[in-house]
Amino acid sequence: MSSTRMFTSPLFLGFDHLEQMLERASKSPADGYPPYNIEQTHPTGLRITLAVAGFTMGDLQITQEDNQLVVRGRQSDDTQGRVYLHRGIAARQFQRAFVLAEGIEVKGAWLDNGLLHIDLARPQPEIRVRTIEITKPNPTPRDQVMDSTSETT
């Protein structure tokens, strides 16, 4: 199984973590359950909405694992004593993961009418300009020897 590197240019320094996040996202299962929306609520705000009909707050768990937001759902089996003539609503488990960019904060989550909403905030990056001082290197013993021989001639 070969991996295609995206940042092969020597000008991209320190982007290994970004490649790892992209690789992790591409390995997520293609299962479309539960369906979800991602919307921009304002210039720095995002909202993920998952359709989790039939799940209660106790059936759902949201965790942030490094730069990954993981939503898990597990319904308890309450079929004891029930006789289904047709069962089209399956009580199935799910795990949905979203890779978050550096600095994204999870602000909160709530369950409303079968929809789980998760609000995220994307802070505005500070524009930083820093001047790097160019200094003369400390002389090495070899440089000192060369300087002393050139002075004696």
N, C-alpha and C. Protein backbone atom coordinates (compact mmCIF):
# COMPACT_ATOMS: atom_id res chain seq x y z
N MET A 1 0.85 -1.17 0.00
CA MET A 1 0.00 0.00 0.00
C MET A 1 0.90 1.23 0.00
N SER A 2 0.90 1.98 -1.08
CA SER A 2 1.79 3.14 -1.17
C SER A 2 1.03 4.40 -0.82
N SER A 3 1.75 5.30 -0.20
CA SER A 3 1.17 6.57 0.22
C SER A 3 1.72 7.67 -0.69
N THR A 4 0.83 8.50 -1.19
CA THR A 4 1.26 9.61 -2.04
C THR A 4 1.52 10.81 -1.16
N ARG A 5 2.73 11.30 -1.20
CA ARG A 5 3.09 12.46 -0.39
C ARG A 5 2.67 13.71 -1.13
N MET A 6 2.04 14.63 -0.40
CA MET A 6 1.55 15.86 -1.02
C MET A 6 2.57 16.98 -0.93
N PHE A 7 3.32 17.02 0.16
CA PHE A 7 4.24 18.12 0.40
C PHE A 7 5.67 17.65 0.17
N THR A 8 5.99 17.37 -1.09
CA THR A 8 7.31 16.84 -1.41
C THR A 8 8.34 17.93 -1.66
N SER A 9 7.90 19.14 -1.85
CA SER A 9 8.82 20.24 -2.11
C SER A 9 9.65 20.50 -0.86
N PRO A 10 10.95 20.77 -1.02
CA PRO A 10 11.78 21.09 0.14
C PRO A 10 11.39 22.43 0.78
N LEU A 11 10.53 23.21 0.12
CA LEU A 11 10.10 24.48 0.67
C LEU A 11 9.02 24.32 1.73
N PHE A 12 8.36 23.16 1.79
CA PHE A 12 7.34 22.89 2.80
C PHE A 12 8.00 22.21 3.99
N LEU A 13 8.32 22.98 5.01
CA LEU A 13 8.98 22.44 6.19
C LEU A 13 7.98 22.29 7.33
N GLY A 14 7.98 21.14 7.95
CA GLY A 14 7.14 20.93 9.12
C GLY A 14 5.68 20.65 8.82
N PHE A 15 5.35 20.20 7.63
CA PHE A 15 3.96 19.90 7.28
C PHE A 15 3.63 18.42 7.41
N ASP A 16 4.49 17.67 8.08
CA ASP A 16 4.24 16.23 8.26
C ASP A 16 2.92 15.98 8.96
N HIS A 17 2.62 16.79 10.00
CA HIS A 17 1.37 16.58 10.74
C HIS A 17 0.15 16.82 9.85
N LEU A 18 0.25 17.74 8.91
CA LEU A 18 -0.87 18.00 8.00
C LEU A 18 -1.08 16.80 7.08
N GLU A 19 0.00 16.23 6.59
CA GLU A 19 -0.11 15.03 5.77
C GLU A 19 -0.74 13.89 6.55
N GLN A 20 -0.36 13.75 7.82
CA GLN A 20 -0.95 12.69 8.64
C GLN A 20 -2.44 12.90 8.84
N MET A 21 -2.85 14.15 9.05
CA MET A 21 -4.28 14.45 9.22
C MET A 21 -5.04 14.13 7.94
N LEU A 22 -4.50 14.50 6.78
CA LEU A 22 -5.17 14.21 5.52
C LEU A 22 -5.26 12.71 5.27
N GLU A 23 -4.22 11.99 5.64
CA GLU A 23 -4.23 10.54 5.47
C GLU A 23 -5.27 9.90 6.38
N ARG A 24 -5.37 10.40 7.63
CA ARG A 24 -6.36 9.89 8.58
C ARG A 24 -7.77 10.15 8.07
N ALA A 25 -7.99 11.33 7.50
CA ALA A 25 -9.32 11.67 6.99
C ALA A 25 -9.69 10.80 5.81
N SER A 26 -8.72 10.48 4.96
CA SER A 26 -9.02 9.66 3.78
C SER A 26 -9.32 8.22 4.15
N LYS A 27 -8.89 7.77 5.32
CA LYS A 27 -9.13 6.39 5.75
C LYS A 27 -10.45 6.22 6.48
N SER A 28 -11.17 7.32 6.69
CA SER A 28 -12.44 7.19 7.42
C SER A 28 -13.42 6.37 6.59
N PRO A 29 -14.28 5.61 7.24
CA PRO A 29 -15.20 4.74 6.50
C PRO A 29 -16.13 5.55 5.60
N ALA A 30 -16.50 4.95 4.48
CA ALA A 30 -17.36 5.61 3.50
C ALA A 30 -18.83 5.49 3.87
N ASP A 31 -19.12 4.85 4.99
CA ASP A 31 -20.49 4.70 5.44
C ASP A 31 -21.12 6.08 5.63
N GLY A 32 -22.29 6.29 5.09
CA GLY A 32 -22.93 7.59 5.16
C GLY A 32 -23.81 7.78 6.38
N TYR A 33 -23.65 6.91 7.39
CA TYR A 33 -24.52 6.99 8.57
C TYR A 33 -23.75 7.48 9.77
N PRO A 34 -24.24 8.39 10.51
CA PRO A 34 -25.46 9.16 10.24
C PRO A 34 -25.16 10.30 9.28
N PRO A 35 -26.16 10.74 8.53
CA PRO A 35 -25.93 11.87 7.64
C PRO A 35 -25.66 13.13 8.46
N TYR A 36 -24.91 14.06 7.86
CA TYR A 36 -24.55 15.26 8.60
C TYR A 36 -24.44 16.45 7.66
N ASN A 37 -24.52 17.64 8.24
CA ASN A 37 -24.27 18.91 7.55
C ASN A 37 -23.14 19.62 8.26
N ILE A 38 -22.41 20.42 7.52
CA ILE A 38 -21.43 21.32 8.11
C ILE A 38 -21.76 22.69 7.53
N GLU A 39 -22.00 23.65 8.43
CA GLU A 39 -22.35 24.99 7.95
C GLU A 39 -21.49 26.03 8.64
N GLN A 40 -21.32 27.13 7.96
CA GLN A 40 -20.61 28.26 8.55
C GLN A 40 -21.68 29.16 9.16
N THR A 41 -21.62 29.36 10.48
CA THR A 41 -22.63 30.13 11.18
C THR A 41 -22.29 31.62 11.23
N HIS A 42 -21.03 31.95 11.20
CA HIS A 42 -20.54 33.33 11.10
C HIS A 42 -19.08 33.24 10.67
N PRO A 43 -18.39 34.35 10.43
CA PRO A 43 -17.03 34.28 9.87
C PRO A 43 -16.06 33.36 10.62
N THR A 44 -16.22 33.22 11.93
CA THR A 44 -15.30 32.35 12.66
C THR A 44 -15.99 31.13 13.27
N GLY A 45 -17.27 30.92 12.93
CA GLY A 45 -18.03 29.83 13.54
C GLY A 45 -18.47 28.78 12.55
N LEU A 46 -18.41 27.52 12.98
CA LEU A 46 -18.86 26.38 12.19
C LEU A 46 -19.84 25.58 13.04
N ARG A 47 -20.73 24.86 12.39
CA ARG A 47 -21.65 23.97 13.11
C ARG A 47 -21.75 22.67 12.33
N ILE A 48 -21.55 21.58 13.05
CA ILE A 48 -21.77 20.24 12.50
C ILE A 48 -23.12 19.78 13.04
N THR A 49 -23.99 19.31 12.17
CA THR A 49 -25.29 18.80 12.58
C THR A 49 -25.42 17.37 12.06
N LEU A 50 -25.64 16.44 13.00
CA LEU A 50 -25.80 15.03 12.64
C LEU A 50 -27.25 14.62 12.90
N ALA A 51 -27.83 13.86 11.97
CA ALA A 51 -29.18 13.33 12.13
C ALA A 51 -29.09 12.04 12.93
N VAL A 52 -29.51 12.13 14.20
CA VAL A 52 -29.39 10.98 15.11
C VAL A 52 -30.75 10.62 15.70
N ALA A 53 -31.75 10.52 14.84
CA ALA A 53 -33.11 10.20 15.30
C ALA A 53 -33.09 8.88 16.07
N GLY A 54 -33.77 8.88 17.20
CA GLY A 54 -33.87 7.67 18.02
C GLY A 54 -32.79 7.57 19.09
N PHE A 55 -31.79 8.43 19.04
CA PHE A 55 -30.73 8.41 20.05
C PHE A 55 -31.06 9.44 21.13
N THR A 56 -30.78 9.08 22.36
CA THR A 56 -30.93 10.02 23.47
C THR A 56 -29.56 10.59 23.81
N MET A 57 -29.53 11.59 24.69
CA MET A 57 -28.24 12.17 25.09
C MET A 57 -27.35 11.10 25.72
N GLY A 58 -27.95 10.17 26.44
CA GLY A 58 -27.17 9.10 27.06
C GLY A 58 -26.59 8.12 26.07
N ASP A 59 -27.16 8.07 24.86
CA ASP A 59 -26.67 7.15 23.83
C ASP A 59 -25.51 7.73 23.03
N LEU A 60 -25.24 9.03 23.20
CA LEU A 60 -24.26 9.73 22.38
C LEU A 60 -23.04 10.14 23.19
N GLN A 61 -21.90 10.13 22.55
CA GLN A 61 -20.66 10.57 23.19
C GLN A 61 -19.85 11.37 22.18
N ILE A 62 -19.34 12.51 22.61
CA ILE A 62 -18.49 13.35 21.76
C ILE A 62 -17.15 13.49 22.47
N THR A 63 -16.07 13.18 21.78
CA THR A 63 -14.74 13.34 22.34
C THR A 63 -13.85 14.05 21.33
N GLN A 64 -12.86 14.74 21.85
CA GLN A 64 -11.83 15.33 21.00
C GLN A 64 -10.54 14.60 21.31
N GLU A 65 -10.03 13.91 20.32
CA GLU A 65 -8.81 13.13 20.46
C GLU A 65 -7.76 13.76 19.56
N ASP A 66 -6.86 14.52 20.18
CA ASP A 66 -5.88 15.32 19.45
C ASP A 66 -6.64 16.26 18.51
N ASN A 67 -6.41 16.17 17.22
CA ASN A 67 -7.08 17.05 16.27
C ASN A 67 -8.27 16.35 15.59
N GLN A 68 -8.85 15.40 16.28
CA GLN A 68 -9.96 14.67 15.70
C GLN A 68 -11.16 14.77 16.65
N LEU A 69 -12.30 15.16 16.09
CA LEU A 69 -13.56 15.20 16.83
C LEU A 69 -14.29 13.90 16.50
N VAL A 70 -14.61 13.12 17.52
CA VAL A 70 -15.22 11.81 17.30
C VAL A 70 -16.59 11.80 17.97
N VAL A 71 -17.61 11.46 17.19
CA VAL A 71 -18.98 11.33 17.70
C VAL A 71 -19.35 9.86 17.61
N ARG A 72 -19.76 9.31 18.76
CA ARG A 72 -20.14 7.90 18.82
C ARG A 72 -21.58 7.80 19.29
N GLY A 73 -22.29 6.84 18.73
CA GLY A 73 -23.66 6.58 19.15
C GLY A 73 -23.87 5.10 19.37
N ARG A 74 -24.50 4.78 20.48
CA ARG A 74 -24.80 3.37 20.78
C ARG A 74 -26.15 3.34 21.48
N GLN A 75 -27.13 2.74 20.83
CA GLN A 75 -28.46 2.62 21.43
C GLN A 75 -28.54 1.33 22.21
N SER A 76 -29.22 1.41 23.34
CA SER A 76 -29.42 0.20 24.13
C SER A 76 -30.50 -0.65 23.46
N ASP A 77 -30.39 -1.92 23.60
CA ASP A 77 -31.35 -2.85 22.98
C ASP A 77 -32.56 -2.98 23.88
N ASP A 78 -33.65 -2.33 23.49
CA ASP A 78 -34.87 -2.38 24.30
C ASP A 78 -35.97 -3.19 23.59
N THR A 79 -35.56 -4.24 22.90
CA THR A 79 -36.53 -5.02 22.12
C THR A 79 -37.18 -6.13 22.92
N GLN A 80 -36.84 -6.25 24.20
CA GLN A 80 -37.43 -7.32 25.02
C GLN A 80 -38.95 -7.14 25.09
N GLY A 81 -39.65 -8.18 24.77
CA GLY A 81 -41.10 -8.16 24.84
C GLY A 81 -41.77 -7.59 23.60
N ARG A 82 -40.99 -7.11 22.65
CA ARG A 82 -41.59 -6.55 21.43
C ARG A 82 -41.55 -7.58 20.31
N VAL A 83 -42.62 -7.58 19.53
CA VAL A 83 -42.68 -8.45 18.35
C VAL A 83 -42.80 -7.53 17.15
N TYR A 84 -41.77 -7.49 16.34
CA TYR A 84 -41.77 -6.63 15.16
C TYR A 84 -42.33 -7.39 13.97
N LEU A 85 -43.30 -6.80 13.28
CA LEU A 85 -43.78 -7.34 12.02
C LEU A 85 -42.88 -6.86 10.89
N HIS A 86 -42.32 -5.67 11.08
CA HIS A 86 -41.31 -5.12 10.16
C HIS A 86 -40.39 -4.24 10.99
N ARG A 87 -39.11 -4.40 10.81
CA ARG A 87 -38.17 -3.57 11.55
C ARG A 87 -37.28 -2.84 10.55
N GLY A 88 -37.66 -1.62 10.24
CA GLY A 88 -36.89 -0.81 9.30
C GLY A 88 -36.02 0.22 10.00
N ILE A 89 -36.26 0.44 11.28
CA ILE A 89 -35.45 1.37 12.06
C ILE A 89 -34.50 0.53 12.90
N ALA A 90 -33.30 0.46 12.47
CA ALA A 90 -32.32 -0.37 13.16
C ALA A 90 -31.65 0.44 14.27
N ALA A 91 -31.46 -0.21 15.40
CA ALA A 91 -30.71 0.40 16.50
C ALA A 91 -29.25 0.06 16.25
N ARG A 92 -28.59 0.90 15.48
CA ARG A 92 -27.21 0.58 15.12
C ARG A 92 -26.24 1.57 15.73
N GLN A 93 -25.05 1.09 15.91
CA GLN A 93 -23.98 1.93 16.46
C GLN A 93 -23.35 2.72 15.32
N PHE A 94 -22.72 3.81 15.69
CA PHE A 94 -21.96 4.54 14.68
C PHE A 94 -20.79 5.25 15.34
N GLN A 95 -19.84 5.57 14.51
CA GLN A 95 -18.73 6.43 14.91
C GLN A 95 -18.41 7.31 13.71
N ARG A 96 -18.45 8.61 13.94
CA ARG A 96 -18.18 9.57 12.86
C ARG A 96 -17.04 10.46 13.36
N ALA A 97 -15.98 10.59 12.57
CA ALA A 97 -14.82 11.38 12.98
C ALA A 97 -14.62 12.54 12.01
N PHE A 98 -14.26 13.68 12.56
CA PHE A 98 -13.95 14.88 11.79
C PHE A 98 -12.55 15.35 12.18
N VAL A 99 -11.72 15.61 11.21
CA VAL A 99 -10.37 16.10 11.49
C VAL A 99 -10.45 17.62 11.61
N LEU A 100 -9.98 18.14 12.74
CA LEU A 100 -10.03 19.57 13.01
C LEU A 100 -8.69 20.22 12.71
N ALA A 101 -8.72 21.39 12.14
CA ALA A 101 -7.50 22.15 11.90
C ALA A 101 -6.96 22.63 13.24
N GLU A 102 -5.69 22.94 13.26
CA GLU A 102 -5.04 23.46 14.46
C GLU A 102 -5.77 24.72 14.94
N GLY A 103 -6.09 24.77 16.22
CA GLY A 103 -6.71 25.96 16.79
C GLY A 103 -8.23 25.93 16.82
N ILE A 104 -8.88 25.00 16.12
CA ILE A 104 -10.35 24.92 16.16
C ILE A 104 -10.78 24.48 17.56
N GLU A 105 -11.74 25.19 18.12
CA GLU A 105 -12.23 24.89 19.46
C GLU A 105 -13.67 24.40 19.40
N VAL A 106 -13.98 23.38 20.19
CA VAL A 106 -15.35 22.91 20.31
C VAL A 106 -16.01 23.76 21.39
N LYS A 107 -17.05 24.50 21.00
CA LYS A 107 -17.71 25.43 21.92
C LYS A 107 -18.87 24.78 22.67
N GLY A 108 -19.51 23.79 22.09
CA GLY A 108 -20.63 23.15 22.78
C GLY A 108 -21.41 22.26 21.85
N ALA A 109 -22.33 21.49 22.43
CA ALA A 109 -23.17 20.57 21.66
C ALA A 109 -24.53 20.47 22.33
N TRP A 110 -25.55 20.25 21.51
CA TRP A 110 -26.90 20.03 22.04
C TRP A 110 -27.68 19.16 21.10
N LEU A 111 -28.68 18.47 21.67
CA LEU A 111 -29.54 17.55 20.94
C LEU A 111 -30.93 18.16 20.89
N ASP A 112 -31.47 18.28 19.67
CA ASP A 112 -32.78 18.92 19.50
C ASP A 112 -33.53 18.24 18.36
N ASN A 113 -34.67 17.62 18.69
CA ASN A 113 -35.53 16.98 17.67
C ASN A 113 -34.78 16.01 16.77
N GLY A 114 -33.93 15.17 17.35
CA GLY A 114 -33.22 14.16 16.58
C GLY A 114 -32.00 14.67 15.84
N LEU A 115 -31.63 15.93 16.09
CA LEU A 115 -30.43 16.49 15.45
C LEU A 115 -29.42 16.85 16.53
N LEU A 116 -28.21 16.37 16.37
CA LEU A 116 -27.12 16.70 17.28
C LEU A 116 -26.31 17.83 16.65
N HIS A 117 -26.25 18.96 17.33
CA HIS A 117 -25.53 20.13 16.83
C HIS A 117 -24.24 20.28 17.63
N ILE A 118 -23.14 20.54 16.95
CA ILE A 118 -21.86 20.77 17.59
C ILE A 118 -21.30 22.07 17.03
N ASP A 119 -21.11 23.05 17.91
CA ASP A 119 -20.58 24.35 17.48
C ASP A 119 -19.07 24.39 17.66
N LEU A 120 -18.42 24.91 16.64
CA LEU A 120 -16.96 25.04 16.64
C LEU A 120 -16.60 26.49 16.37
N ALA A 121 -15.44 26.90 16.87
CA ALA A 121 -14.95 28.25 16.61
C ALA A 121 -13.57 28.16 15.99
N ARG A 122 -13.41 28.93 14.96
CA ARG A 122 -12.13 29.00 14.26
C ARG A 122 -11.55 30.38 14.56
N PRO A 123 -10.58 30.46 15.48
CA PRO A 123 -10.04 31.78 15.82
C PRO A 123 -9.31 32.40 14.63
N GLN A 124 -9.40 33.71 14.55
CA GLN A 124 -8.69 34.43 13.48
C GLN A 124 -7.20 34.39 13.78
N PRO A 125 -6.40 34.02 12.81
CA PRO A 125 -4.95 33.99 13.05
C PRO A 125 -4.39 35.40 13.20
N GLU A 126 -3.45 35.51 14.11
CA GLU A 126 -2.75 36.78 14.27
C GLU A 126 -1.74 36.92 13.15
N ILE A 127 -1.65 38.11 12.62
CA ILE A 127 -0.63 38.37 11.61
C ILE A 127 0.64 38.72 12.37
N ARG A 128 1.63 37.88 12.22
CA ARG A 128 2.87 38.08 12.95
C ARG A 128 4.00 38.36 11.97
N VAL A 129 4.71 39.41 12.24
CA VAL A 129 5.90 39.73 11.47
C VAL A 129 7.03 39.83 12.47
N ARG A 130 8.07 39.10 12.23
CA ARG A 130 9.21 39.10 13.13
C ARG A 130 10.47 39.28 12.31
N THR A 131 11.31 40.20 12.72
CA THR A 131 12.58 40.41 12.04
C THR A 131 13.62 39.51 12.69
N ILE A 132 14.33 38.78 11.87
CA ILE A 132 15.36 37.87 12.36
C ILE A 132 16.70 38.57 12.20
N GLU A 133 17.41 38.69 13.31
CA GLU A 133 18.71 39.36 13.28
C GLU A 133 19.75 38.45 12.63
N ILE A 134 20.54 39.03 11.77
CA ILE A 134 21.63 38.29 11.12
C ILE A 134 22.89 38.62 11.91
N THR A 135 23.52 37.59 12.45
CA THR A 135 24.71 37.78 13.28
C THR A 135 25.93 37.14 12.64
N LYS A 136 27.08 37.55 13.13
CA LYS A 136 28.34 36.96 12.69
C LYS A 136 28.53 35.68 13.49
N PRO A 137 28.95 34.61 12.86
CA PRO A 137 29.10 33.35 13.59
C PRO A 137 30.25 33.44 14.60
N ASN A 138 30.14 32.64 15.65
CA ASN A 138 31.24 32.54 16.60
C ASN A 138 32.42 31.89 15.90
N PRO A 139 33.61 32.40 16.09
CA PRO A 139 34.76 31.79 15.40
C PRO A 139 35.05 30.40 15.96
N THR A 140 35.34 29.49 15.05
CA THR A 140 35.72 28.14 15.46
C THR A 140 37.24 28.14 15.63
N PRO A 141 37.80 27.16 16.31
CA PRO A 141 39.27 27.12 16.46
C PRO A 141 39.99 27.16 15.11
N ARG A 142 39.42 26.57 14.09
CA ARG A 142 40.03 26.57 12.75
C ARG A 142 40.08 27.99 12.21
N ASP A 143 38.97 28.76 12.40
CA ASP A 143 38.95 30.14 11.93
C ASP A 143 39.99 30.98 12.64
N GLN A 144 40.19 30.74 13.95
CA GLN A 144 41.17 31.50 14.71
C GLN A 144 42.58 31.22 14.22
N VAL A 145 42.85 29.96 13.88
CA VAL A 145 44.18 29.60 13.36
C VAL A 145 44.41 30.29 12.04
N MET A 146 43.40 30.31 11.17
CA MET A 146 43.54 30.94 9.86
C MET A 146 43.75 32.44 10.02
N ASP A 147 43.02 33.07 10.97
CA ASP A 147 43.17 34.50 11.19
C ASP A 147 44.57 34.82 11.70
N SER A 148 45.12 34.00 12.59
CA SER A 148 46.45 34.28 13.15
C SER A 148 47.56 34.07 12.14
N THR A 149 47.39 33.10 11.19
CA THR A 149 48.42 32.88 10.17
C THR A 149 48.38 33.98 9.12
N SER A 150 47.19 34.51 8.84
CA SER A 150 47.13 35.56 7.83
C SER A 150 47.64 36.87 8.39
N GLU A 151 47.61 37.07 9.70
CA GLU A 151 48.10 38.30 10.31
C GLU A 151 49.63 38.34 10.37
N THR A 152 50.28 37.17 10.44
CA THR A 152 51.72 37.13 10.58
C THR A 152 52.45 37.29 9.26
N THR A 153 51.78 37.16 8.16
CA THR A 153 52.46 37.27 6.86
C THR A 153 52.47 38.66 6.33
